[in-house]
């Protein structure tokens, strides 16, 4: 009836909490791996959208630099052609 530590019971103690935390971490790790690989890109070539966004960002920066007079028209045209 009495266990090794002088308490009555089945001997489980806080083991069930440790088991819940363990399985929670396993499930979270699987979710994080799946989300990291597919979450932001989606399926069916979603990565191309990311490339388009980066190209649009670069083009916007290029336009701003041209508008500020930091680059010439020739430089603008050349860089724009490279980006497209």
PDB file of N, CA and C in Angstrom:
ATOM      1  N   UNK A   1       0.803  -1.189   0.000  1.00  0.00           N
ATOM      2  CA  UNK A   1       0.000   0.000   0.000  1.00  0.00           C
ATOM      3  C   UNK A   1       0.852   1.262   0.000  1.00  0.00           C
ATOM      4  N   UNK A   2       1.874   1.286   0.775  1.00  0.00           N
ATOM      5  CA  UNK A   2       2.739   2.459   0.834  1.00  0.00           C
ATOM      6  C   UNK A   2       3.855   2.280  -0.194  1.00  0.00           C
ATOM      7  N   UNK A   3       4.137   3.341  -0.899  1.00  0.00           N
ATOM      8  CA  UNK A   3       5.202   3.218  -1.898  1.00  0.00           C
ATOM      9  C   UNK A   3       6.549   3.584  -1.279  1.00  0.00           C
ATOM     10  N   UNK A   4       7.564   3.644  -2.105  1.00  0.00           N
ATOM     11  CA  UNK A   4       8.932   3.864  -1.647  1.00  0.00           C
ATOM     12  C   UNK A   4       9.100   5.193  -0.916  1.00  0.00           C
ATOM     13  N   UNK A   5       8.345   6.221  -1.335  1.00  0.00           N
ATOM     14  CA  UNK A   5       8.500   7.544  -0.738  1.00  0.00           C
ATOM     15  C   UNK A   5       7.614   7.763   0.483  1.00  0.00           C
ATOM     16  N   UNK A   6       6.875   6.751   0.897  1.00  0.00           N
ATOM     17  CA  UNK A   6       6.056   6.864   2.092  1.00  0.00           C
ATOM     18  C   UNK A   6       4.686   7.441   1.813  1.00  0.00           C
ATOM     19  N   UNK A   7       4.292   7.493   0.546  1.00  0.00           N
ATOM     20  CA  UNK A   7       2.959   7.996   0.200  1.00  0.00           C
ATOM     21  C   UNK A   7       2.109   6.851  -0.309  1.00  0.00           C
ATOM     22  N   UNK A   8       0.838   7.014  -0.099  1.00  0.00           N
ATOM     23  CA  UNK A   8      -0.090   6.026  -0.616  1.00  0.00           C
ATOM     24  C   UNK A   8      -0.462   6.423  -2.032  1.00  0.00           C
ATOM     25  N   UNK A   9      -0.619   5.494  -2.888  1.00  0.00           N
ATOM     26  CA  UNK A   9      -1.030   5.800  -4.250  1.00  0.00           C
ATOM     27  C   UNK A   9      -0.432   4.827  -5.229  1.00  0.00           C
ATOM     28  N   UNK A  10      -0.686   5.109  -6.480  1.00  0.00           N
ATOM     29  CA  UNK A  10      -0.245   4.174  -7.508  1.00  0.00           C
ATOM     30  C   UNK A  10       1.177   4.457  -7.965  1.00  0.00           C
ATOM     31  N   UNK A  11       1.777   5.538  -7.526  1.00  0.00           N
ATOM     32  CA  UNK A  11       3.150   5.817  -7.886  1.00  0.00           C
ATOM     33  C   UNK A  11       3.317   6.665  -9.135  1.00  0.00           C
ATOM     34  N   UNK A  12       2.224   7.157  -9.715  1.00  0.00           N
ATOM     35  CA  UNK A  12       2.337   7.958 -10.933  1.00  0.00           C
ATOM     36  C   UNK A  12       2.833   9.365 -10.639  1.00  0.00           C
ATOM     37  N   UNK A  13       2.376   9.973  -9.594  1.00  0.00           N
ATOM     38  CA  UNK A  13       2.816  11.311  -9.227  1.00  0.00           C
ATOM     39  C   UNK A  13       2.555  12.312 -10.344  1.00  0.00           C
ATOM     40  N   UNK A  14       3.599  13.027 -10.741  1.00  0.00           N
ATOM     41  CA  UNK A  14       3.464  14.032 -11.789  1.00  0.00           C
ATOM     42  C   UNK A  14       3.908  13.502 -13.156  1.00  0.00           C
ATOM     43  N   UNK A  15       4.053  12.218 -13.265  1.00  0.00           N
ATOM     44  CA  UNK A  15       4.479  11.609 -14.524  1.00  0.00           C
ATOM     45  C   UNK A  15       3.537  11.897 -15.676  1.00  0.00           C
ATOM     46  N   UNK A  16       2.264  11.997 -15.402  1.00  0.00           N
ATOM     47  CA  UNK A  16       1.299  12.260 -16.471  1.00  0.00           C
ATOM     48  C   UNK A  16       1.477  13.661 -17.031  1.00  0.00           C
ATOM     49  N   UNK A  17       1.903  14.620 -16.192  1.00  0.00           N
ATOM     50  CA  UNK A  17       2.157  15.983 -16.670  1.00  0.00           C
ATOM     51  C   UNK A  17       3.367  15.985 -17.595  1.00  0.00           C
ATOM     52  N   UNK A  18       4.400  15.264 -17.196  1.00  0.00           N
ATOM     53  CA  UNK A  18       5.596  15.163 -18.030  1.00  0.00           C
ATOM     54  C   UNK A  18       5.249  14.531 -19.373  1.00  0.00           C
ATOM     55  N   UNK A  19       4.398  13.520 -19.377  1.00  0.00           N
ATOM     56  CA  UNK A  19       4.002  12.859 -20.610  1.00  0.00           C
ATOM     57  C   UNK A  19       3.204  13.800 -21.514  1.00  0.00           C
ATOM     58  N   UNK A  20       2.322  14.603 -20.944  1.00  0.00           N
ATOM     59  CA  UNK A  20       1.556  15.572 -21.744  1.00  0.00           C
ATOM     60  C   UNK A  20       2.494  16.608 -22.350  1.00  0.00           C
ATOM     61  N   UNK A  21       3.432  17.105 -21.570  1.00  0.00           N
ATOM     62  CA  UNK A  21       4.401  18.083 -22.076  1.00  0.00           C
ATOM     63  C   UNK A  21       5.244  17.459 -23.184  1.00  0.00           C
ATOM     64  N   UNK A  22       5.684  16.226 -22.994  1.00  0.00           N
ATOM     65  CA  UNK A  22       6.489  15.534 -23.999  1.00  0.00           C
ATOM     66  C   UNK A  22       5.741  15.422 -25.316  1.00  0.00           C
ATOM     67  N   UNK A  23       4.521  14.929 -25.284  1.00  0.00           N
ATOM     68  CA  UNK A  23       3.755  14.767 -26.523  1.00  0.00           C
ATOM     69  C   UNK A  23       3.377  16.117 -27.120  1.00  0.00           C
ATOM     70  N   UNK A  24       3.146  17.097 -26.282  1.00  0.00           N
ATOM     71  CA  UNK A  24       2.888  18.444 -26.798  1.00  0.00           C
ATOM     72  C   UNK A  24       4.076  18.984 -27.565  1.00  0.00           C
ATOM     73  N   UNK A  25       5.282  18.769 -27.049  1.00  0.00           N
ATOM     74  CA  UNK A  25       6.493  19.202 -27.747  1.00  0.00           C
ATOM     75  C   UNK A  25       6.682  18.457 -29.068  1.00  0.00           C
ATOM     76  N   UNK A  26       6.387  17.172 -29.082  1.00  0.00           N
ATOM     77  CA  UNK A  26       6.502  16.390 -30.315  1.00  0.00           C
ATOM     78  C   UNK A  26       5.523  16.923 -31.366  1.00  0.00           C
ATOM     79  N   UNK A  27       4.289  17.143 -30.975  1.00  0.00           N
ATOM     80  CA  UNK A  27       3.279  17.667 -31.913  1.00  0.00           C
ATOM     81  C   UNK A  27       3.667  19.056 -32.382  1.00  0.00           C
ATOM     82  N   UNK A  28       4.141  19.898 -31.483  1.00  0.00           N
ATOM     83  CA  UNK A  28       4.560  21.252 -31.866  1.00  0.00           C
ATOM     84  C   UNK A  28       5.723  21.205 -32.854  1.00  0.00           C
ATOM     85  N   UNK A  29       6.689  20.311 -32.643  1.00  0.00           N
ATOM     86  CA  UNK A  29       7.844  20.201 -33.539  1.00  0.00           C
ATOM     87  C   UNK A  29       7.415  19.775 -34.940  1.00  0.00           C
ATOM     88  N   UNK A  30       6.506  18.822 -35.022  1.00  0.00           N
ATOM     89  CA  UNK A  30       6.005  18.393 -36.329  1.00  0.00           C
ATOM     90  C   UNK A  30       5.280  19.540 -37.008  1.00  0.00           C
ATOM     91  N   UNK A  31       4.438  20.252 -36.268  1.00  0.00           N
ATOM     92  CA  UNK A  31       3.710  21.394 -36.820  1.00  0.00           C
ATOM     93  C   UNK A  31       4.671  22.469 -37.313  1.00  0.00           C
ATOM     94  N   UNK A  32       5.711  22.758 -36.525  1.00  0.00           N
ATOM     95  CA  UNK A  32       6.684  23.782 -36.912  1.00  0.00           C
ATOM     96  C   UNK A  32       7.441  23.387 -38.168  1.00  0.00           C
ATOM     97  N   UNK A  33       7.787  22.122 -38.298  1.00  0.00           N
ATOM     98  CA  UNK A  33       8.477  21.656 -39.498  1.00  0.00           C
ATOM     99  C   UNK A  33       7.595  21.782 -40.735  1.00  0.00           C
ATOM    100  N   UNK A  34       6.350  21.371 -40.604  1.00  0.00           N
ATOM    101  CA  UNK A  34       5.425  21.459 -41.736  1.00  0.00           C
ATOM    102  C   UNK A  34       5.165  22.912 -42.081  1.00  0.00           C
ATOM    103  N   UNK A  35       4.948  23.748 -41.108  1.00  0.00           N
ATOM    104  CA  UNK A  35       4.680  25.166 -41.348  1.00  0.00           C
ATOM    105  C   UNK A  35       5.890  25.859 -41.956  1.00  0.00           C
ATOM    106  N   UNK A  36       7.070  25.490 -41.515  1.00  0.00           N
ATOM    107  CA  UNK A  36       8.287  26.082 -42.048  1.00  0.00           C
ATOM    108  C   UNK A  36       8.518  25.727 -43.503  1.00  0.00           C
ATOM    109  N   UNK A  37       8.145  24.525 -43.890  1.00  0.00           N
ATOM    110  CA  UNK A  37       8.355  24.098 -45.263  1.00  0.00           C
ATOM    111  C   UNK A  37       7.254  24.543 -46.206  1.00  0.00           C
ATOM    112  N   UNK A  38       6.023  24.608 -45.721  1.00  0.00           N
ATOM    113  CA  UNK A  38       4.909  24.871 -46.615  1.00  0.00           C
ATOM    114  C   UNK A  38       4.046  26.052 -46.215  1.00  0.00           C
ATOM    115  N   UNK A  39       4.186  26.541 -45.015  1.00  0.00           N
ATOM    116  CA  UNK A  39       3.263  27.536 -44.496  1.00  0.00           C
ATOM    117  C   UNK A  39       3.217  28.843 -45.243  1.00  0.00           C
ATOM    118  N   UNK A  40       4.345  29.410 -45.588  1.00  0.00           N
ATOM    119  CA  UNK A  40       4.353  30.725 -46.205  1.00  0.00           C
ATOM    120  C   UNK A  40       4.248  30.655 -47.716  1.00  0.00           C
ATOM    121  N   UNK A  41       4.633  29.543 -48.288  1.00  0.00           N
ATOM    122  CA  UNK A  41       4.625  29.435 -49.738  1.00  0.00           C
ATOM    123  C   UNK A  41       3.351  28.804 -50.250  1.00  0.00           C
ATOM    124  N   UNK A  42       2.689  28.047 -49.436  1.00  0.00           N
ATOM    125  CA  UNK A  42       1.517  27.331 -49.894  1.00  0.00           C
ATOM    126  C   UNK A  42       1.930  26.182 -50.798  1.00  0.00           C
ATOM    127  N   UNK A  43       0.989  25.713 -51.586  1.00  0.00           N
ATOM    128  CA  UNK A  43       1.319  24.618 -52.487  1.00  0.00           C
ATOM    129  C   UNK A  43       1.327  25.113 -53.927  1.00  0.00           C
ATOM    130  N   UNK A  44       1.730  24.275 -54.802  1.00  0.00           N
ATOM    131  CA  UNK A  44       1.649  24.518 -56.246  1.00  0.00           C
ATOM    132  C   UNK A  44       2.436  25.739 -56.685  1.00  0.00           C
ATOM    133  N   UNK A  45       3.651  25.863 -56.238  1.00  0.00           N
ATOM    134  CA  UNK A  45       4.514  26.927 -56.734  1.00  0.00           C
ATOM    135  C   UNK A  45       4.304  28.276 -56.098  1.00  0.00           C
ATOM    136  N   UNK A  46       3.887  28.317 -54.869  1.00  0.00           N
ATOM    137  CA  UNK A  46       3.695  29.590 -54.193  1.00  0.00           C
ATOM    138  C   UNK A  46       4.977  30.371 -54.018  1.00  0.00           C
ATOM    139  N   UNK A  47       6.105  29.713 -54.177  1.00  0.00           N
ATOM    140  CA  UNK A  47       7.389  30.380 -54.019  1.00  0.00           C
ATOM    141  C   UNK A  47       7.568  31.455 -55.082  1.00  0.00           C
ATOM    142  N   UNK A  48       6.979  31.292 -56.239  1.00  0.00           N
ATOM    143  CA  UNK A  48       7.108  32.284 -57.307  1.00  0.00           C
ATOM    144  C   UNK A  48       6.500  33.615 -56.886  1.00  0.00           C
ATOM    145  N   UNK A  49       5.458  33.575 -56.091  1.00  0.00           N
ATOM    146  CA  UNK A  49       4.862  34.817 -55.601  1.00  0.00           C
ATOM    147  C   UNK A  49       5.865  35.589 -54.761  1.00  0.00           C
ATOM    148  N   UNK A  50       6.641  34.887 -53.969  1.00  0.00           N
ATOM    149  CA  UNK A  50       7.665  35.540 -53.160  1.00  0.00           C
ATOM    150  C   UNK A  50       8.698  36.220 -54.027  1.00  0.00           C
ATOM    151  N   UNK A  51       9.081  35.575 -55.116  1.00  0.00           N
ATOM    152  CA  UNK A  51      10.046  36.177 -56.034  1.00  0.00           C
ATOM    153  C   UNK A  51       9.458  37.409 -56.704  1.00  0.00           C
ATOM    154  N   UNK A  52       8.182  37.363 -57.047  1.00  0.00           N
ATOM    155  CA  UNK A  52       7.531  38.520 -57.671  1.00  0.00           C
ATOM    156  C   UNK A  52       7.480  39.692 -56.697  1.00  0.00           C
ATOM    157  N   UNK A  53       7.200  39.420 -55.450  1.00  0.00           N
ATOM    158  CA  UNK A  53       7.142  40.476 -54.440  1.00  0.00           C
ATOM    159  C   UNK A  53       8.514  41.114 -54.289  1.00  0.00           C
ATOM    160  N   UNK A  54       9.575  40.289 -54.265  1.00  0.00           N
ATOM    161  CA  UNK A  54      10.924  40.830 -54.148  1.00  0.00           C
ATOM    162  C   UNK A  54      11.268  41.687 -55.351  1.00  0.00           C
ATOM    163  N   UNK A  55      10.880  41.241 -56.548  1.00  0.00           N
ATOM    164  CA  UNK A  55      11.158  42.011 -57.759  1.00  0.00           C
ATOM    165  C   UNK A  55      10.404  43.333 -57.730  1.00  0.00           C
ATOM    166  N   UNK A  56       9.155  43.308 -57.273  1.00  0.00           N
ATOM    167  CA  UNK A  56       8.375  44.545 -57.181  1.00  0.00           C
ATOM    168  C   UNK A  56       8.985  45.491 -56.161  1.00  0.00           C
ATOM    169  N   UNK A  57       9.469  44.945 -55.062  1.00  0.00           N
ATOM    170  CA  UNK A  57      10.130  45.766 -54.050  1.00  0.00           C
ATOM    171  C   UNK A  57      11.364  46.436 -54.634  1.00  0.00           C
ATOM    172  N   UNK A  58      12.169  45.656 -55.354  1.00  0.00           N
ATOM    173  CA  UNK A  58      13.379  46.196 -55.953  1.00  0.00           C
ATOM    174  C   UNK A  58      13.036  47.273 -56.983  1.00  0.00           C
ATOM    175  N   UNK A  59      11.991  47.045 -57.741  1.00  0.00           N
ATOM    176  CA  UNK A  59      11.578  48.021 -58.747  1.00  0.00           C
ATOM    177  C   UNK A  59      11.091  49.313 -58.083  1.00  0.00           C
ATOM    178  N   UNK A  60      10.390  49.179 -56.981  1.00  0.00           N
ATOM    179  CA  UNK A  60       9.942  50.376 -56.251  1.00  0.00           C
ATOM    180  C   UNK A  60      11.138  51.167 -55.707  1.00  0.00           C
ATOM    181  N   UNK A  61      12.114  50.459 -55.192  1.00  0.00           N
ATOM    182  CA  UNK A  61      13.316  51.140 -54.687  1.00  0.00           C
ATOM    183  C   UNK A  61      14.035  51.831 -55.832  1.00  0.00           C
ATOM    184  N   UNK A  62      14.111  51.139 -56.975  1.00  0.00           N
ATOM    185  CA  UNK A  62      14.750  51.725 -58.151  1.00  0.00           C
ATOM    186  C   UNK A  62      14.033  52.999 -58.581  1.00  0.00           C
ATOM    187  N   UNK A  63      12.718  52.967 -58.591  1.00  0.00           N
ATOM    188  CA  UNK A  63      11.931  54.151 -58.970  1.00  0.00           C
ATOM    189  C   UNK A  63      12.175  55.300 -57.996  1.00  0.00           C
ATOM    190  N   UNK A  64      12.254  54.979 -56.721  1.00  0.00           N
ATOM    191  CA  UNK A  64      12.518  56.019 -55.725  1.00  0.00           C
ATOM    192  C   UNK A  64      13.892  56.643 -55.931  1.00  0.00           C
ATOM    193  N   UNK A  65      14.882  55.810 -56.194  1.00  0.00           N
ATOM    194  CA  UNK A  65      16.237  56.328 -56.411  1.00  0.00           C
ATOM    195  C   UNK A  65      16.287  57.220 -57.651  1.00  0.00           C
ATOM    196  N   UNK A  66      15.558  56.827 -58.685  1.00  0.00           N
ATOM    197  CA  UNK A  66      15.515  57.646 -59.909  1.00  0.00           C
ATOM    198  C   UNK A  66      14.791  58.963 -59.633  1.00  0.00           C
ATOM    199  N   UNK A  67      13.712  58.891 -58.880  1.00  0.00           N
ATOM    200  CA  UNK A  67      12.953  60.101 -58.560  1.00  0.00           C
ATOM    201  C   UNK A  67      13.776  61.070 -57.711  1.00  0.00           C
ATOM    202  N   UNK A  68      14.619  60.559 -56.842  1.00  0.00           N
ATOM    203  CA  UNK A  68      15.469  61.410 -56.004  1.00  0.00           C
ATOM    204  C   UNK A  68      16.666  61.960 -56.769  1.00  0.00           C
ATOM    205  N   UNK A  69      16.913  61.418 -57.973  1.00  0.00           N
ATOM    206  CA  UNK A  69      18.040  61.878 -58.764  1.00  0.00           C
ATOM    207  C   UNK A  69      19.340  61.170 -58.435  1.00  0.00           C
ATOM    208  N   UNK A  70      19.260  60.052 -57.727  1.00  0.00           N
ATOM    209  CA  UNK A  70      20.464  59.315 -57.356  1.00  0.00           C
ATOM    210  C   UNK A  70      21.068  58.568 -58.542  1.00  0.00           C
ATOM    211  N   UNK A  71      20.223  58.189 -59.502  1.00  0.00           N
ATOM    212  CA  UNK A  71      20.719  57.474 -60.688  1.00  0.00           C
ATOM    213  C   UNK A  71      20.203  58.161 -61.947  1.00  0.00           C
ATOM    214  N   UNK A  72      20.913  57.940 -63.041  1.00  0.00           N
ATOM    215  CA  UNK A  72      20.526  58.562 -64.313  1.00  0.00           C
ATOM    216  C   UNK A  72      19.465  57.709 -65.010  1.00  0.00           C
ATOM    217  N   UNK A  73      18.901  58.259 -66.087  1.00  0.00           N
ATOM    218  CA  UNK A  73      17.888  57.552 -66.873  1.00  0.00           C
ATOM    219  C   UNK A  73      18.484  56.281 -67.480  1.00  0.00           C
ATOM    220  N   UNK A  74      19.716  56.350 -67.935  1.00  0.00           N
ATOM    221  CA  UNK A  74      20.364  55.177 -68.532  1.00  0.00           C
ATOM    222  C   UNK A  74      20.550  54.067 -67.489  1.00  0.00           C
ATOM    223  N   UNK A  75      20.993  54.477 -66.300  1.00  0.00           N
ATOM    224  CA  UNK A  75      21.161  53.498 -65.219  1.00  0.00           C
ATOM    225  C   UNK A  75      19.811  52.891 -64.839  1.00  0.00           C
ATOM    226  N   UNK A  76      18.806  53.743 -64.773  1.00  0.00           N
ATOM    227  CA  UNK A  76      17.462  53.281 -64.428  1.00  0.00           C
ATOM    228  C   UNK A  76      16.991  52.227 -65.425  1.00  0.00           C
ATOM    229  N   UNK A  77      17.125  52.533 -66.736  1.00  0.00           N
ATOM    230  CA  UNK A  77      16.674  51.603 -67.768  1.00  0.00           C
ATOM    231  C   UNK A  77      17.446  50.283 -67.723  1.00  0.00           C
ATOM    232  N   UNK A  78      18.743  50.378 -67.519  1.00  0.00           N
ATOM    233  CA  UNK A  78      19.581  49.178 -67.476  1.00  0.00           C
ATOM    234  C   UNK A  78      19.213  48.295 -66.287  1.00  0.00           C
ATOM    235  N   UNK A  79      19.080  48.887 -65.109  1.00  0.00           N
ATOM    236  CA  UNK A  79      18.751  48.108 -63.904  1.00  0.00           C
ATOM    237  C   UNK A  79      17.339  47.555 -64.002  1.00  0.00           C
ATOM    238  N   UNK A  80      16.419  48.346 -64.541  1.00  0.00           N
ATOM    239  CA  UNK A  80      15.042  47.881 -64.697  1.00  0.00           C
ATOM    240  C   UNK A  80      14.992  46.675 -65.611  1.00  0.00           C
ATOM    241  N   UNK A  81      15.770  46.699 -66.700  1.00  0.00           N
ATOM    242  CA  UNK A  81      15.824  45.567 -67.610  1.00  0.00           C
ATOM    243  C   UNK A  81      16.375  44.326 -66.900  1.00  0.00           C
ATOM    244  N   UNK A  82      17.393  44.519 -66.074  1.00  0.00           N
ATOM    245  CA  UNK A  82      17.962  43.395 -65.316  1.00  0.00           C
ATOM    246  C   UNK A  82      16.959  42.804 -64.342  1.00  0.00           C
ATOM    247  N   UNK A  83      16.145  43.660 -63.728  1.00  0.00           N
ATOM    248  CA  UNK A  83      15.175  43.172 -62.750  1.00  0.00           C
ATOM    249  C   UNK A  83      14.039  42.395 -63.404  1.00  0.00           C
ATOM    250  N   UNK A  84      13.675  42.811 -64.598  1.00  0.00           N
ATOM    251  CA  UNK A  84      12.561  42.148 -65.264  1.00  0.00           C
ATOM    252  C   UNK A  84      13.066  40.897 -65.912  1.00  0.00           C
TER     253      UNK A  84
END
